Structure formats: structure tokens, C-alpha cells
């Protein structure tokens, strides 16, 4: 089995979204985690992100994570 075959569908979608050649604005680690958490959920590779929320409500990290979830859910619609 080659290396690419071991990478999950969610991880491939995430890598494509944040590849250097996309020339997008920098995002925080919390935002990126939200994107990946949502992609894992949408592809059936992980639990509901809101059930496993990693940040305390009302914090900047949680706000960024929720924003990342929105992007991840959007990208995951076509997965």
C-alpha cells in the first residue's frame, strides 16, 4: 500500500484546502482544527465535532474553531 492510500479522505481535503499554492490568508491552529474536525465528521471518519468541542465557549480559540467548522462543513458537502 502506498503512502497516499493511507491518508484519509478528510486529510486529503484538508491538505488541498491549505496547500501553499492556494495563496489563502493564514489561519490559526484552532481554525484549522475546526476544518479538519468537520471534514472527518462529514466523511464518516470522526464523531460530531460539537459533541467533542475542544475549546471553552466564549474564548477566541472556540470562536475560531467554530468558524473552521463552517468551512469544513462546506467543503465536506462534496466529499
C-alpha atoms as a PDB file:
ATOM      1  CA  UNK A   1       0.000   0.000   0.000  1.00  0.00           C
ATOM      2  CA  UNK A   2       1.460   3.355  -0.956  1.00  0.00           C
ATOM      3  CA  UNK A   3       1.629   6.360   1.366  1.00  0.00           C
ATOM      4  CA  UNK A   4      -1.249   8.222  -0.311  1.00  0.00           C
ATOM      5  CA  UNK A   5      -3.583   5.264   0.163  1.00  0.00           C
ATOM      6  CA  UNK A   6      -3.088   5.560   3.943  1.00  0.00           C
ATOM      7  CA  UNK A   7      -4.175   9.212   4.056  1.00  0.00           C
ATOM      8  CA  UNK A   8      -7.853   9.632   4.913  1.00  0.00           C
ATOM      9  CA  UNK A   9     -10.280  11.384   2.624  1.00  0.00           C
ATOM     10  CA  UNK A  10     -10.735  14.114   5.241  1.00  0.00           C
ATOM     11  CA  UNK A  11      -6.985  14.676   5.441  1.00  0.00           C
ATOM     12  CA  UNK A  12      -6.701  14.888   1.635  1.00  0.00           C
ATOM     13  CA  UNK A  13      -9.463  17.518   1.518  1.00  0.00           C
ATOM     14  CA  UNK A  14      -7.811  19.441   4.365  1.00  0.00           C
ATOM     15  CA  UNK A  15      -4.375  19.316   2.706  1.00  0.00           C
ATOM     16  CA  UNK A  16      -5.850  20.617  -0.547  1.00  0.00           C
ATOM     17  CA  UNK A  17      -7.605  23.484   1.266  1.00  0.00           C
ATOM     18  CA  UNK A  18      -4.422  24.633   2.995  1.00  0.00           C
ATOM     19  CA  UNK A  19      -1.813  23.832   0.357  1.00  0.00           C
ATOM     20  CA  UNK A  20       0.771  26.569  -0.203  1.00  0.00           C
ATOM     21  CA  UNK A  21      -0.351  27.051  -3.788  1.00  0.00           C
ATOM     22  CA  UNK A  22      -3.842  28.108  -2.644  1.00  0.00           C
ATOM     23  CA  UNK A  23      -2.478  31.539  -1.624  1.00  0.00           C
ATOM     24  CA  UNK A  24      -5.017  31.941   1.145  1.00  0.00           C
ATOM     25  CA  UNK A  25      -4.774  34.053   4.283  1.00  0.00           C
ATOM     26  CA  UNK A  26      -3.114  32.435   7.281  1.00  0.00           C
ATOM     27  CA  UNK A  27      -5.453  30.682   9.713  1.00  0.00           C
ATOM     28  CA  UNK A  28      -4.975  29.807  13.378  1.00  0.00           C
ATOM     29  CA  UNK A  29      -4.430  26.274  14.589  1.00  0.00           C
ATOM     30  CA  UNK A  30      -7.886  26.352  16.208  1.00  0.00           C
ATOM     31  CA  UNK A  31      -9.478  27.307  12.875  1.00  0.00           C
ATOM     32  CA  UNK A  32      -7.631  24.552  11.049  1.00  0.00           C
ATOM     33  CA  UNK A  33      -8.625  22.029  13.694  1.00  0.00           C
ATOM     34  CA  UNK A  34     -12.260  23.017  13.162  1.00  0.00           C
ATOM     35  CA  UNK A  35     -11.945  22.464   9.422  1.00  0.00           C
ATOM     36  CA  UNK A  36     -10.386  19.035   9.903  1.00  0.00           C
ATOM     37  CA  UNK A  37     -12.866  18.030  12.640  1.00  0.00           C
ATOM     38  CA  UNK A  38     -15.796  18.900  10.364  1.00  0.00           C
ATOM     39  CA  UNK A  39     -14.265  17.096   7.398  1.00  0.00           C
ATOM     40  CA  UNK A  40     -13.713  13.979   9.493  1.00  0.00           C
ATOM     41  CA  UNK A  41     -17.355  14.082  10.577  1.00  0.00           C
ATOM     42  CA  UNK A  42     -18.712  14.686   7.078  1.00  0.00           C
ATOM     43  CA  UNK A  43     -16.662  11.819   5.622  1.00  0.00           C
ATOM     44  CA  UNK A  44     -17.690   9.432   8.395  1.00  0.00           C
ATOM     45  CA  UNK A  45     -14.192   9.333   9.884  1.00  0.00           C
ATOM     46  CA  UNK A  46     -14.940  11.006  13.200  1.00  0.00           C
ATOM     47  CA  UNK A  47     -17.592  11.955  15.757  1.00  0.00           C
ATOM     48  CA  UNK A  48     -19.753  15.048  15.719  1.00  0.00           C
ATOM     49  CA  UNK A  49     -17.380  17.934  16.428  1.00  0.00           C
ATOM     50  CA  UNK A  50     -19.874  19.765  18.609  1.00  0.00           C
ATOM     51  CA  UNK A  51     -20.076  16.725  20.911  1.00  0.00           C
ATOM     52  CA  UNK A  52     -16.315  16.792  21.391  1.00  0.00           C
ATOM     53  CA  UNK A  53     -15.751  20.574  21.385  1.00  0.00           C
ATOM     54  CA  UNK A  54     -12.063  21.051  22.303  1.00  0.00           C
ATOM     55  CA  UNK A  55     -12.267  24.677  23.466  1.00  0.00           C
ATOM     56  CA  UNK A  56     -14.197  26.518  26.158  1.00  0.00           C
ATOM     57  CA  UNK A  57     -17.167  28.522  24.899  1.00  0.00           C
ATOM     58  CA  UNK A  58     -16.566  32.262  24.822  1.00  0.00           C
ATOM     59  CA  UNK A  59     -12.865  32.026  24.022  1.00  0.00           C
ATOM     60  CA  UNK A  60     -11.180  33.273  20.871  1.00  0.00           C
ATOM     61  CA  UNK A  61      -9.993  29.733  20.159  1.00  0.00           C
ATOM     62  CA  UNK A  62     -13.544  28.402  20.315  1.00  0.00           C
ATOM     63  CA  UNK A  63     -14.759  31.171  18.001  1.00  0.00           C
ATOM     64  CA  UNK A  64     -12.002  30.316  15.517  1.00  0.00           C
ATOM     65  CA  UNK A  65     -12.790  26.607  15.798  1.00  0.00           C
ATOM     66  CA  UNK A  66     -16.495  27.226  15.075  1.00  0.00           C
ATOM     67  CA  UNK A  67     -15.520  29.298  12.027  1.00  0.00           C
ATOM     68  CA  UNK A  68     -13.313  26.448  10.875  1.00  0.00           C
ATOM     69  CA  UNK A  69     -16.225  24.045  11.311  1.00  0.00           C
ATOM     70  CA  UNK A  70     -18.260  26.177   8.923  1.00  0.00           C
ATOM     71  CA  UNK A  71     -15.591  25.910   6.247  1.00  0.00           C
ATOM     72  CA  UNK A  72     -15.136  22.199   6.879  1.00  0.00           C
ATOM     73  CA  UNK A  73     -18.872  21.506   6.615  1.00  0.00           C
ATOM     74  CA  UNK A  74     -18.987  23.451   3.375  1.00  0.00           C
ATOM     75  CA  UNK A  75     -16.030  21.576   1.906  1.00  0.00           C
ATOM     76  CA  UNK A  76     -17.413  18.287   3.184  1.00  0.00           C
ATOM     77  CA  UNK A  77     -20.708  18.668   1.296  1.00  0.00           C
ATOM     78  CA  UNK A  78     -18.971  17.445  -1.826  1.00  0.00           C
ATOM     79  CA  UNK A  79     -16.994  14.648  -0.170  1.00  0.00           C
END
